[in-house]
Amino acid sequence: MAVSERAARLLLAVLAAAMVAGVCLVRLPGFWGDGATYYTMAHSLAEDGDLRYEARDVFRARREFPAGPQGLFLKRASGGLRVDGPGGFPWIRRVTEDDKRIYFAKAFTYPVAAAPLVALMGTRGLLVTNALSLGLVLVLAYLELRTRASPAWSLAAAVSLILFTVAPLYLVWPTPELFTLALVAAGLIESSGSDHDAGARPRDGGEKGASGHYSPQDNRIER
């Protein structure tokens, strides 16, 4: 059955909306893997505006999960910058060697991206970030396939390659796998687009080569 471009894009939007709505109904039973670290980092950014590990981070997690966060990745460090309002301009000071602090020791890109949604929606903001990331991957896959196939085939292939895999299982896992997948997909498609553009541009002398004949014997173009 033929599928129009508009119908294919509408279905992609419906699938993405369904994933977002679905994760909004999920309540996490606890932590597994590195989830506790990313959960605590996102909440610390959303509510405290920092990535410093403090007692209030534990108390905050225990309000939602009585067992508290387990298996956190932490590090003690100095030399970084801290906000120092009472100290006056420029209101930023370096953490001294004798004032070492404990920070979260995981990559902060995913928590930073999820923090605004966590501030608005609580823990579900992490899962909504996952759903939006997977939806973006689905759209990017469709757009890339669309350069080679019809809307129907592109839609079927994108759904099969993205949704008929283990990827949807990570929707309810508050870790950066789907966010990273979206970044990688965007980078690959951008690179692929650059290659397509380069291939579309004729090389020097391309116009002449298309309309003439090159004779290697005397290095001249005959028309």
Protein backbone atom coordinates (compact mmCIF):
# COMPACT_ATOMS: atom_id res chain seq x y z
CA MET A 1 0.00 0.00 0.00
CA ALA A 2 1.33 3.43 -0.94
CA VAL A 3 2.11 5.80 1.92
CA SER A 4 2.41 9.52 1.33
CA GLU A 5 5.18 11.63 2.82
CA ARG A 6 2.66 13.43 5.01
CA ALA A 7 1.18 10.19 6.30
CA ALA A 8 4.63 8.78 7.09
CA ARG A 9 5.65 11.86 9.06
CA LEU A 10 2.33 11.88 10.88
CA LEU A 11 2.85 8.29 11.94
CA LEU A 12 6.37 9.10 13.16
CA ALA A 13 4.93 11.93 15.26
CA VAL A 14 2.29 9.60 16.69
CA LEU A 15 4.91 7.00 17.61
CA ALA A 16 7.09 9.62 19.30
CA ALA A 17 4.09 11.02 21.20
CA ALA A 18 3.06 7.51 22.25
CA MET A 19 6.53 6.86 23.69
CA VAL A 20 6.45 10.12 25.65
CA ALA A 21 2.96 9.41 26.96
CA GLY A 22 3.92 5.85 27.83
CA VAL A 23 6.93 6.76 29.97
CA CYS A 24 4.86 9.38 31.79
CA LEU A 25 2.81 6.50 33.21
CA VAL A 26 5.86 4.64 34.50
CA ARG A 27 6.95 4.72 38.11
CA LEU A 28 10.46 3.43 38.69
CA PRO A 29 10.58 0.66 41.32
CA GLY A 30 14.22 1.36 42.16
CA PHE A 31 17.69 1.67 40.71
CA TRP A 32 19.77 -0.70 38.62
CA GLY A 33 23.02 -0.29 36.72
CA ASP A 34 24.27 3.30 36.84
CA GLY A 35 20.76 4.68 37.20
CA ALA A 36 21.25 5.94 40.76
CA THR A 37 24.17 8.14 39.75
CA TYR A 38 22.40 9.74 36.80
CA TYR A 39 19.19 10.13 38.80
CA THR A 40 21.02 11.93 41.60
CA MET A 41 23.02 14.08 39.17
CA ALA A 42 19.92 15.23 37.29
CA HIS A 43 18.08 16.11 40.49
CA SER A 44 21.13 17.89 41.87
CA LEU A 45 21.35 20.02 38.72
CA ALA A 46 17.60 20.67 38.66
CA GLU A 47 17.24 21.60 42.33
CA ASP A 48 20.70 22.68 43.51
CA GLY A 49 22.28 23.86 40.27
CA ASP A 50 25.47 21.88 40.80
CA LEU A 51 27.10 18.46 40.54
CA ARG A 52 28.42 18.37 44.08
CA TYR A 53 27.49 15.34 46.16
CA GLU A 54 26.00 16.35 49.52
CA ALA A 55 23.79 14.86 52.23
CA ARG A 56 20.72 16.57 50.76
CA ASP A 57 21.17 14.53 47.58
CA VAL A 58 20.75 11.35 49.61
CA PHE A 59 17.74 12.71 51.53
CA ARG A 60 16.12 13.80 48.28
CA ALA A 61 16.51 10.32 46.77
CA ARG A 62 15.16 8.67 49.91
CA ARG A 63 11.94 10.66 49.65
CA GLU A 64 11.18 8.73 46.47
CA PHE A 65 13.17 5.55 47.10
CA PRO A 66 13.40 4.61 50.81
CA ALA A 67 16.50 2.50 50.21
CA GLY A 68 18.28 5.55 48.84
CA PRO A 69 20.76 5.71 45.96
CA GLN A 70 23.12 2.76 45.73
CA GLY A 71 26.29 2.25 43.72
CA LEU A 72 27.04 5.94 43.20
CA PHE A 73 30.15 6.91 41.24
CA LEU A 74 31.89 9.73 43.15
CA LYS A 75 35.25 11.46 43.25
CA ARG A 76 36.98 13.87 45.62
CA ALA A 77 38.60 16.83 43.89
CA SER A 78 39.79 20.40 44.28
CA GLY A 79 40.85 23.15 41.93
CA GLY A 80 37.46 23.57 40.30
CA LEU A 81 35.27 26.65 40.36
CA ARG A 82 32.42 27.39 42.76
CA VAL A 83 29.84 30.15 43.00
CA ASP A 84 30.69 32.59 45.78
CA GLY A 85 28.02 35.27 46.01
CA PRO A 86 29.09 36.78 49.36
CA GLY A 87 32.68 37.05 48.13
CA GLY A 88 31.76 39.75 45.61
CA PHE A 89 32.71 40.17 41.95
CA PRO A 90 33.23 37.98 39.92
CA TRP A 91 31.25 35.79 42.35
CA ILE A 92 33.28 32.74 41.36
CA ARG A 93 36.13 31.26 43.36
CA ARG A 94 38.46 28.31 42.90
CA VAL A 95 38.11 25.38 45.30
CA THR A 96 41.34 25.26 47.29
CA GLU A 97 43.42 22.18 48.01
CA ASP A 98 42.36 22.13 51.68
CA ASP A 99 38.67 22.32 50.75
CA LYS A 100 38.32 19.20 48.62
CA ARG A 101 34.75 18.37 47.69
CA ILE A 102 32.95 15.26 46.52
CA TYR A 103 31.46 15.33 43.04
CA PHE A 104 29.60 12.89 40.83
CA ALA A 105 32.03 10.96 38.64
CA LYS A 106 29.91 10.29 35.55
CA ALA A 107 29.60 12.21 32.28
CA PHE A 108 27.24 15.12 32.83
CA THR A 109 25.88 15.69 29.29
CA TYR A 110 22.78 13.53 29.79
CA PRO A 111 21.90 14.95 33.25
CA VAL A 112 22.35 18.49 31.94
CA ALA A 113 20.00 17.79 29.02
CA ALA A 114 17.44 16.14 31.31
CA ALA A 115 17.64 18.66 34.16
CA PRO A 116 15.01 21.12 32.78
CA LEU A 117 12.49 18.30 32.37
CA VAL A 118 13.39 16.92 35.81
CA ALA A 119 12.73 20.37 37.28
CA LEU A 120 9.29 20.39 35.61
CA MET A 121 8.27 16.74 35.95
CA GLY A 122 10.46 15.17 38.59
CA THR A 123 12.02 11.78 37.91
CA ARG A 124 9.77 11.24 34.87
CA GLY A 125 11.79 13.98 33.19
CA LEU A 126 14.63 11.49 32.77
CA LEU A 127 12.34 9.01 31.06
CA VAL A 128 10.81 11.70 28.85
CA THR A 129 14.35 12.64 27.79
CA ASN A 130 14.85 9.01 26.81
CA ALA A 131 11.59 8.96 24.84
CA LEU A 132 12.42 12.19 23.01
CA SER A 133 15.88 10.83 22.19
CA LEU A 134 14.48 7.60 20.76
CA GLY A 135 11.87 9.54 18.82
CA LEU A 136 14.61 11.72 17.36
CA VAL A 137 16.58 8.62 16.31
CA LEU A 138 13.49 7.23 14.60
CA VAL A 139 12.92 10.47 12.68
CA LEU A 140 16.58 10.76 11.69
CA ALA A 141 16.63 7.17 10.46
CA TYR A 142 13.53 7.81 8.35
CA LEU A 143 14.96 11.00 6.84
CA GLU A 144 18.21 9.26 5.93
CA LEU A 145 16.42 6.28 4.40
CA ARG A 146 14.08 8.64 2.55
CA THR A 147 17.01 9.77 0.38
CA ARG A 148 17.14 6.25 -1.05
CA ALA A 149 13.60 4.82 -0.89
CA SER A 150 9.90 5.61 -0.95
CA PRO A 151 8.05 6.86 2.16
CA ALA A 152 6.53 3.42 2.77
CA TRP A 153 9.83 1.53 2.59
CA SER A 154 11.67 4.22 4.56
CA LEU A 155 9.06 4.15 7.32
CA ALA A 156 9.02 0.36 7.51
CA ALA A 157 12.81 0.14 7.61
CA ALA A 158 13.18 2.89 10.23
CA VAL A 159 10.60 1.32 12.53
CA SER A 160 12.15 -2.12 12.10
CA LEU A 161 15.72 -0.95 12.68
CA ILE A 162 14.92 1.21 15.72
CA LEU A 163 11.80 -0.10 17.46
CA PHE A 164 12.08 -3.83 16.75
CA THR A 165 15.32 -4.03 18.73
CA VAL A 166 16.32 -3.80 22.38
CA ALA A 167 16.39 0.01 22.16
CA PRO A 168 12.84 0.58 23.53
CA LEU A 169 13.79 -1.32 26.70
CA TYR A 170 16.04 1.61 27.64
CA LEU A 171 13.07 3.98 27.75
CA VAL A 172 12.57 3.14 31.43
CA TRP A 173 16.27 3.05 32.28
CA PRO A 174 17.46 6.48 33.60
CA THR A 175 20.84 6.23 31.89
CA PRO A 176 22.28 7.94 28.78
CA GLU A 177 22.15 5.07 26.26
CA LEU A 178 19.28 6.50 24.18
CA PHE A 179 20.56 10.05 24.51
CA THR A 180 23.96 8.89 23.26
CA LEU A 181 22.28 6.95 20.44
CA ALA A 182 20.55 10.16 19.34
CA LEU A 183 23.82 12.10 19.35
CA VAL A 184 25.60 9.38 17.38
CA ALA A 185 22.75 9.13 14.87
CA ALA A 186 22.73 12.90 14.37
CA GLY A 187 26.50 12.92 13.85
CA LEU A 188 26.44 10.04 11.37
CA ILE A 189 23.61 11.54 9.36
CA GLU A 190 25.30 14.94 9.32
CA SER A 191 28.48 13.27 8.07
CA SER A 192 26.49 11.33 5.49
CA GLY A 193 24.83 14.54 4.33
CA SER A 194 28.23 16.19 3.90
CA ASP A 195 29.39 13.22 1.82
CA HIS A 196 26.28 13.45 -0.35
CA ASP A 197 26.91 17.16 -0.91
CA ALA A 198 30.54 16.55 -1.78
CA GLY A 199 29.54 13.83 -4.23
CA ALA A 200 27.00 16.09 -5.85
CA ARG A 201 29.58 18.79 -6.57
CA PRO A 202 31.52 18.23 -9.81
CA ARG A 203 35.27 18.14 -9.58
CA ASP A 204 37.40 20.68 -11.40
CA GLY A 205 36.82 20.28 -15.09
CA GLY A 206 33.75 18.13 -14.48
CA GLU A 207 31.62 20.15 -16.88
CA LYS A 208 34.18 19.72 -19.64
CA GLY A 209 34.52 16.03 -19.01
CA ALA A 210 30.79 15.61 -19.37
CA SER A 211 30.65 17.23 -22.78
CA GLY A 212 33.98 16.32 -24.32
CA HIS A 213 36.47 13.49 -24.77
CA TYR A 214 39.84 13.37 -23.08
CA SER A 215 42.66 12.04 -25.22
CA PRO A 216 45.61 10.88 -23.08
CA GLN A 217 47.95 10.79 -26.09
CA ASP A 218 48.14 14.53 -26.52
CA ASN A 219 46.55 15.74 -23.26
CA ARG A 220 43.80 17.72 -24.93
CA ILE A 221 40.03 17.69 -24.93
CA GLU A 222 38.35 17.02 -28.24
CA ARG A 223 34.79 18.15 -28.84
